[in-house]
Amino acid sequence: MLVGDLVYNDALDLECNYLIYENSSKNVLVNTKKNGFHKPLASILDMTIQNITISNDILIITAVK
């Protein structure tokens, strides 16, 4: 499943803060709680989801290129 299939999908209403974390570089790419909601870059939307978890009421998505 791609990141875009989950966070930027017109058929799914995702009403929560989320964080997208790149597994290989350990970088946070998107943090909606800190930076607000916006469309992530296409390169982020095209990443493959490796893991999804919840911590402190934030959906944490670990993704790989």
PDB file of N, CA and C in Angstrom:
ATOM      1  N   MET A   1       0.846  -1.170   0.000  1.00  0.00           N
ATOM      2  CA  MET A   1       0.000   0.000   0.000  1.00  0.00           C
ATOM      3  C   MET A   1       0.896   1.239   0.000  1.00  0.00           C
ATOM      4  N   LEU A   2       0.535   2.213  -0.789  1.00  0.00           N
ATOM      5  CA  LEU A   2       1.293   3.458  -0.853  1.00  0.00           C
ATOM      6  C   LEU A   2       0.766   4.458   0.176  1.00  0.00           C
ATOM      7  N   VAL A   3       1.616   5.378   0.582  1.00  0.00           N
ATOM      8  CA  VAL A   3       1.228   6.419   1.532  1.00  0.00           C
ATOM      9  C   VAL A   3       0.020   7.189   1.005  1.00  0.00           C
ATOM     10  N   GLY A   4       0.021   7.522  -0.270  1.00  0.00           N
ATOM     11  CA  GLY A   4      -1.087   8.260  -0.876  1.00  0.00           C
ATOM     12  C   GLY A   4      -2.410   7.523  -0.805  1.00  0.00           C
ATOM     13  N   ASP A   5      -2.375   6.179  -0.816  1.00  0.00           N
ATOM     14  CA  ASP A   5      -3.591   5.380  -0.704  1.00  0.00           C
ATOM     15  C   ASP A   5      -4.264   5.582   0.651  1.00  0.00           C
ATOM     16  N   LEU A   6      -3.482   5.941   1.650  1.00  0.00           N
ATOM     17  CA  LEU A   6      -4.021   6.117   2.999  1.00  0.00           C
ATOM     18  C   LEU A   6      -4.320   7.578   3.325  1.00  0.00           C
ATOM     19  N   VAL A   7      -3.367   8.474   3.098  1.00  0.00           N
ATOM     20  CA  VAL A   7      -3.515   9.852   3.592  1.00  0.00           C
ATOM     21  C   VAL A   7      -4.093  10.838   2.581  1.00  0.00           C
ATOM     22  N   TYR A   8      -4.098  10.493   1.308  1.00  0.00           N
ATOM     23  CA  TYR A   8      -4.637  11.418   0.308  1.00  0.00           C
ATOM     24  C   TYR A   8      -5.575  10.655  -0.613  1.00  0.00           C
ATOM     25  N   ASN A   9      -6.633  10.134  -0.027  1.00  0.00           N
ATOM     26  CA  ASN A   9      -7.569   9.283  -0.730  1.00  0.00           C
ATOM     27  C   ASN A   9      -8.969   9.880  -0.577  1.00  0.00           C
ATOM     28  N   ASP A  10      -9.602  10.227  -1.688  1.00  0.00           N
ATOM     29  CA  ASP A  10     -10.937  10.828  -1.640  1.00  0.00           C
ATOM     30  C   ASP A  10     -12.000   9.864  -1.116  1.00  0.00           C
ATOM     31  N   ALA A  11     -11.744   8.562  -1.213  1.00  0.00           N
ATOM     32  CA  ALA A  11     -12.723   7.573  -0.771  1.00  0.00           C
ATOM     33  C   ALA A  11     -12.598   7.249   0.721  1.00  0.00           C
ATOM     34  N   LEU A  12     -11.586   7.796   1.382  1.00  0.00           N
ATOM     35  CA  LEU A  12     -11.355   7.520   2.795  1.00  0.00           C
ATOM     36  C   LEU A  12     -11.273   8.831   3.562  1.00  0.00           C
ATOM     37  N   ASP A  13     -12.015   8.930   4.629  1.00  0.00           N
ATOM     38  CA  ASP A  13     -12.006  10.123   5.461  1.00  0.00           C
ATOM     39  C   ASP A  13     -11.103   9.873   6.663  1.00  0.00           C
ATOM     40  N   LEU A  14      -9.858  10.303   6.586  1.00  0.00           N
ATOM     41  CA  LEU A  14      -8.875  10.103   7.647  1.00  0.00           C
ATOM     42  C   LEU A  14      -8.871  11.343   8.530  1.00  0.00           C
ATOM     43  N   GLU A  15      -9.495  11.235   9.703  1.00  0.00           N
ATOM     44  CA  GLU A  15      -9.632  12.376  10.604  1.00  0.00           C
ATOM     45  C   GLU A  15      -8.757  12.190  11.833  1.00  0.00           C
ATOM     46  N   CYS A  16      -7.454  12.313  11.641  1.00  0.00           N
ATOM     47  CA  CYS A  16      -6.521  12.214  12.756  1.00  0.00           C
ATOM     48  C   CYS A  16      -5.203  12.873  12.347  1.00  0.00           C
ATOM     49  N   ASN A  17      -4.422  13.223  13.346  1.00  0.00           N
ATOM     50  CA  ASN A  17      -3.072  13.690  13.053  1.00  0.00           C
ATOM     51  C   ASN A  17      -2.221  12.493  12.690  1.00  0.00           C
ATOM     52  N   TYR A  18      -1.283  12.710  11.785  1.00  0.00           N
ATOM     53  CA  TYR A  18      -0.395  11.618  11.399  1.00  0.00           C
ATOM     54  C   TYR A  18       1.016  12.135  11.191  1.00  0.00           C
ATOM     55  N   LEU A  19       1.931  11.210  11.290  1.00  0.00           N
ATOM     56  CA  LEU A  19       3.349  11.481  11.102  1.00  0.00           C
ATOM     57  C   LEU A  19       3.855  10.466  10.087  1.00  0.00           C
ATOM     58  N   ILE A  20       4.545  10.924   9.057  1.00  0.00           N
ATOM     59  CA  ILE A  20       5.134  10.019   8.076  1.00  0.00           C
ATOM     60  C   ILE A  20       6.637  10.037   8.299  1.00  0.00           C
ATOM     61  N   TYR A  21       7.164   8.854   8.532  1.00  0.00           N
ATOM     62  CA  TYR A  21       8.548   8.669   8.945  1.00  0.00           C
ATOM     63  C   TYR A  21       9.243   7.822   7.896  1.00  0.00           C
ATOM     64  N   GLU A  22      10.377   8.279   7.378  1.00  0.00           N
ATOM     65  CA  GLU A  22      11.125   7.505   6.385  1.00  0.00           C
ATOM     66  C   GLU A  22      12.062   6.550   7.108  1.00  0.00           C
ATOM     67  N   ASN A  23      11.856   5.277   6.908  1.00  0.00           N
ATOM     68  CA  ASN A  23      12.581   4.259   7.658  1.00  0.00           C
ATOM     69  C   ASN A  23      14.089   4.275   7.382  1.00  0.00           C
ATOM     70  N   SER A  24      14.493   4.441   6.139  1.00  0.00           N
ATOM     71  CA  SER A  24      15.916   4.333   5.799  1.00  0.00           C
ATOM     72  C   SER A  24      16.768   5.474   6.348  1.00  0.00           C
ATOM     73  N   SER A  25      16.230   6.681   6.367  1.00  0.00           N
ATOM     74  CA  SER A  25      17.013   7.827   6.838  1.00  0.00           C
ATOM     75  C   SER A  25      16.616   8.299   8.231  1.00  0.00           C
ATOM     76  N   LYS A  26      15.580   7.692   8.801  1.00  0.00           N
ATOM     77  CA  LYS A  26      15.083   8.057  10.134  1.00  0.00           C
ATOM     78  C   LYS A  26      14.563   9.496  10.195  1.00  0.00           C
ATOM     79  N   ASN A  27      14.138  10.052   9.063  1.00  0.00           N
ATOM     80  CA  ASN A  27      13.631  11.428   9.003  1.00  0.00           C
ATOM     81  C   ASN A  27      12.109  11.468   9.080  1.00  0.00           C
ATOM     82  N   VAL A  28      11.590  12.464   9.777  1.00  0.00           N
ATOM     83  CA  VAL A  28      10.154  12.735   9.772  1.00  0.00           C
ATOM     84  C   VAL A  28       9.871  13.587   8.542  1.00  0.00           C
ATOM     85  N   LEU A  29       9.024  13.090   7.665  1.00  0.00           N
ATOM     86  CA  LEU A  29       8.721  13.791   6.410  1.00  0.00           C
ATOM     87  C   LEU A  29       7.496  14.685   6.532  1.00  0.00           C
ATOM     88  N   VAL A  30       6.496  14.225   7.283  1.00  0.00           N
ATOM     89  CA  VAL A  30       5.260  14.979   7.466  1.00  0.00           C
ATOM     90  C   VAL A  30       4.823  14.808   8.916  1.00  0.00           C
ATOM     91  N   ASN A  31       4.426  15.922   9.545  1.00  0.00           N
ATOM     92  CA  ASN A  31       3.904  15.887  10.901  1.00  0.00           C
ATOM     93  C   ASN A  31       2.724  16.851  10.955  1.00  0.00           C
ATOM     94  N   THR A  32       1.508  16.330  10.853  1.00  0.00           N
ATOM     95  CA  THR A  32       0.332  17.200  10.783  1.00  0.00           C
ATOM     96  C   THR A  32       0.048  17.910  12.107  1.00  0.00           C
ATOM     97  N   LYS A  33       0.435  17.315  13.217  1.00  0.00           N
ATOM     98  CA  LYS A  33       0.201  17.979  14.506  1.00  0.00           C
ATOM     99  C   LYS A  33       1.072  19.222  14.639  1.00  0.00           C
ATOM    100  N   LYS A  34       2.275  19.163  14.115  1.00  0.00           N
ATOM    101  CA  LYS A  34       3.213  20.285  14.208  1.00  0.00           C
ATOM    102  C   LYS A  34       3.034  21.282  13.063  1.00  0.00           C
ATOM    103  N   ASN A  35       2.785  20.790  11.853  1.00  0.00           N
ATOM    104  CA  ASN A  35       2.785  21.643  10.659  1.00  0.00           C
ATOM    105  C   ASN A  35       1.430  21.822   9.996  1.00  0.00           C
ATOM    106  N   GLY A  36       0.387  21.207  10.526  1.00  0.00           N
ATOM    107  CA  GLY A  36      -0.935  21.329   9.921  1.00  0.00           C
ATOM    108  C   GLY A  36      -1.131  20.367   8.759  1.00  0.00           C
ATOM    109  N   PHE A  37      -2.331  20.370   8.234  1.00  0.00           N
ATOM    110  CA  PHE A  37      -2.691  19.462   7.149  1.00  0.00           C
ATOM    111  C   PHE A  37      -2.430  20.129   5.799  1.00  0.00           C
ATOM    112  N   HIS A  38      -1.750  19.420   4.929  1.00  0.00           N
ATOM    113  CA  HIS A  38      -1.503  19.853   3.557  1.00  0.00           C
ATOM    114  C   HIS A  38      -1.209  18.614   2.722  1.00  0.00           C
ATOM    115  N   LYS A  39      -1.286  18.747   1.429  1.00  0.00           N
ATOM    116  CA  LYS A  39      -0.990  17.606   0.558  1.00  0.00           C
ATOM    117  C   LYS A  39       0.514  17.350   0.578  1.00  0.00           C
ATOM    118  N   PRO A  40       0.927  16.128   0.964  1.00  0.00           N
ATOM    119  CA  PRO A  40       2.356  15.800   0.927  1.00  0.00           C
ATOM    120  C   PRO A  40       2.882  15.801  -0.510  1.00  0.00           C
ATOM    121  N   LEU A  41       4.175  15.946  -0.658  1.00  0.00           N
ATOM    122  CA  LEU A  41       4.811  15.893  -1.970  1.00  0.00           C
ATOM    123  C   LEU A  41       4.530  14.553  -2.642  1.00  0.00           C
ATOM    124  N   ALA A  42       4.509  14.546  -3.964  1.00  0.00           N
ATOM    125  CA  ALA A  42       4.246  13.319  -4.729  1.00  0.00           C
ATOM    126  C   ALA A  42       5.252  12.221  -4.384  1.00  0.00           C
ATOM    127  N   SER A  43       6.497  12.604  -4.142  1.00  0.00           N
ATOM    128  CA  SER A  43       7.512  11.599  -3.802  1.00  0.00           C
ATOM    129  C   SER A  43       7.199  10.896  -2.480  1.00  0.00           C
ATOM    130  N   ILE A  44       6.528  11.600  -1.557  1.00  0.00           N
ATOM    131  CA  ILE A  44       6.113  10.996  -0.284  1.00  0.00           C
ATOM    132  C   ILE A  44       4.878  10.134  -0.500  1.00  0.00           C
ATOM    133  N   LEU A  45       3.922  10.617  -1.276  1.00  0.00           N
ATOM    134  CA  LEU A  45       2.699   9.857  -1.541  1.00  0.00           C
ATOM    135  C   LEU A  45       2.994   8.541  -2.248  1.00  0.00           C
ATOM    136  N   ASP A  46       4.085   8.485  -3.011  1.00  0.00           N
ATOM    137  CA  ASP A  46       4.456   7.279  -3.764  1.00  0.00           C
ATOM    138  C   ASP A  46       5.287   6.289  -2.963  1.00  0.00           C
ATOM    139  N   MET A  47       5.580   6.600  -1.709  1.00  0.00           N
ATOM    140  CA  MET A  47       6.362   5.680  -0.877  1.00  0.00           C
ATOM    141  C   MET A  47       5.475   4.520  -0.415  1.00  0.00           C
ATOM    142  N   THR A  48       6.093   3.379  -0.167  1.00  0.00           N
ATOM    143  CA  THR A  48       5.391   2.180   0.289  1.00  0.00           C
ATOM    144  C   THR A  48       5.313   2.164   1.810  1.00  0.00           C
ATOM    145  N   ILE A  49       4.129   1.903   2.333  1.00  0.00           N
ATOM    146  CA  ILE A  49       3.950   1.820   3.776  1.00  0.00           C
ATOM    147  C   ILE A  49       4.546   0.505   4.273  1.00  0.00           C
ATOM    148  N   GLN A  50       5.401   0.620   5.273  1.00  0.00           N
ATOM    149  CA  GLN A  50       6.035  -0.550   5.871  1.00  0.00           C
ATOM    150  C   GLN A  50       5.363  -0.928   7.197  1.00  0.00           C
ATOM    151  N   ASN A  51       4.905   0.086   7.929  1.00  0.00           N
ATOM    152  CA  ASN A  51       4.335  -0.161   9.250  1.00  0.00           C
ATOM    153  C   ASN A  51       3.416   1.005   9.615  1.00  0.00           C
ATOM    154  N   ILE A  52       2.353   0.708  10.361  1.00  0.00           N
ATOM    155  CA  ILE A  52       1.459   1.732  10.896  1.00  0.00           C
ATOM    156  C   ILE A  52       1.233   1.421  12.371  1.00  0.00           C
ATOM    157  N   THR A  53       1.365   2.438  13.207  1.00  0.00           N
ATOM    158  CA  THR A  53       1.114   2.289  14.632  1.00  0.00           C
ATOM    159  C   THR A  53       0.508   3.580  15.169  1.00  0.00           C
ATOM    160  N   ILE A  54       0.109   3.583  16.416  1.00  0.00           N
ATOM    161  CA  ILE A  54      -0.441   4.775  17.053  1.00  0.00           C
ATOM    162  C   ILE A  54       0.357   5.045  18.322  1.00  0.00           C
ATOM    163  N   SER A  55       0.725   6.309  18.524  1.00  0.00           N
ATOM    164  CA  SER A  55       1.420   6.720  19.740  1.00  0.00           C
ATOM    165  C   SER A  55       0.983   8.131  20.085  1.00  0.00           C
ATOM    166  N   ASN A  56       0.572   8.344  21.322  1.00  0.00           N
ATOM    167  CA  ASN A  56       0.140   9.663  21.788  1.00  0.00           C
ATOM    168  C   ASN A  56      -0.921  10.275  20.877  1.00  0.00           C
ATOM    169  N   ASP A  57      -1.881   9.464  20.476  1.00  0.00           N
ATOM    170  CA  ASP A  57      -3.001   9.893  19.623  1.00  0.00           C
ATOM    171  C   ASP A  57      -2.573  10.375  18.241  1.00  0.00           C
ATOM    172  N   ILE A  58      -1.422   9.925  17.767  1.00  0.00           N
ATOM    173  CA  ILE A  58      -0.940  10.254  16.420  1.00  0.00           C
ATOM    174  C   ILE A  58      -0.717   8.954  15.653  1.00  0.00           C
ATOM    175  N   LEU A  59      -1.243   8.879  14.436  1.00  0.00           N
ATOM    176  CA  LEU A  59      -1.016   7.739  13.565  1.00  0.00           C
ATOM    177  C   LEU A  59       0.404   7.872  13.011  1.00  0.00           C
ATOM    178  N   ILE A  60       1.243   6.884  13.239  1.00  0.00           N
ATOM    179  CA  ILE A  60       2.633   6.926  12.778  1.00  0.00           C
ATOM    180  C   ILE A  60       2.779   5.948  11.627  1.00  0.00           C
ATOM    181  N   ILE A  61       3.164   6.488  10.485  1.00  0.00           N
ATOM    182  CA  ILE A  61       3.311   5.702   9.267  1.00  0.00           C
ATOM    183  C   ILE A  61       4.793   5.622   8.938  1.00  0.00           C
ATOM    184  N   THR A  62       5.339   4.410   8.932  1.00  0.00           N
ATOM    185  CA  THR A  62       6.727   4.212   8.523  1.00  0.00           C
ATOM    186  C   THR A  62       6.703   3.802   7.068  1.00  0.00           C
ATOM    187  N   ALA A  63       7.466   4.507   6.239  1.00  0.00           N
ATOM    188  CA  ALA A  63       7.432   4.269   4.804  1.00  0.00           C
ATOM    189  C   ALA A  63       8.838   4.104   4.239  1.00  0.00           C
ATOM    190  N   VAL A  64       8.922   3.445   3.076  1.00  0.00           N
ATOM    191  CA  VAL A  64      10.190   3.248   2.380  1.00  0.00           C
ATOM    192  C   VAL A  64      10.015   3.652   0.921  1.00  0.00           C
ATOM    193  N   LYS A  65      11.125   4.051   0.304  1.00  0.00           N
ATOM    194  CA  LYS A  65      11.085   4.447  -1.111  1.00  0.00           C
ATOM    195  C   LYS A  65      11.024   3.230  -1.997  1.00  0.00           C
TER     196      LYS A  65
END
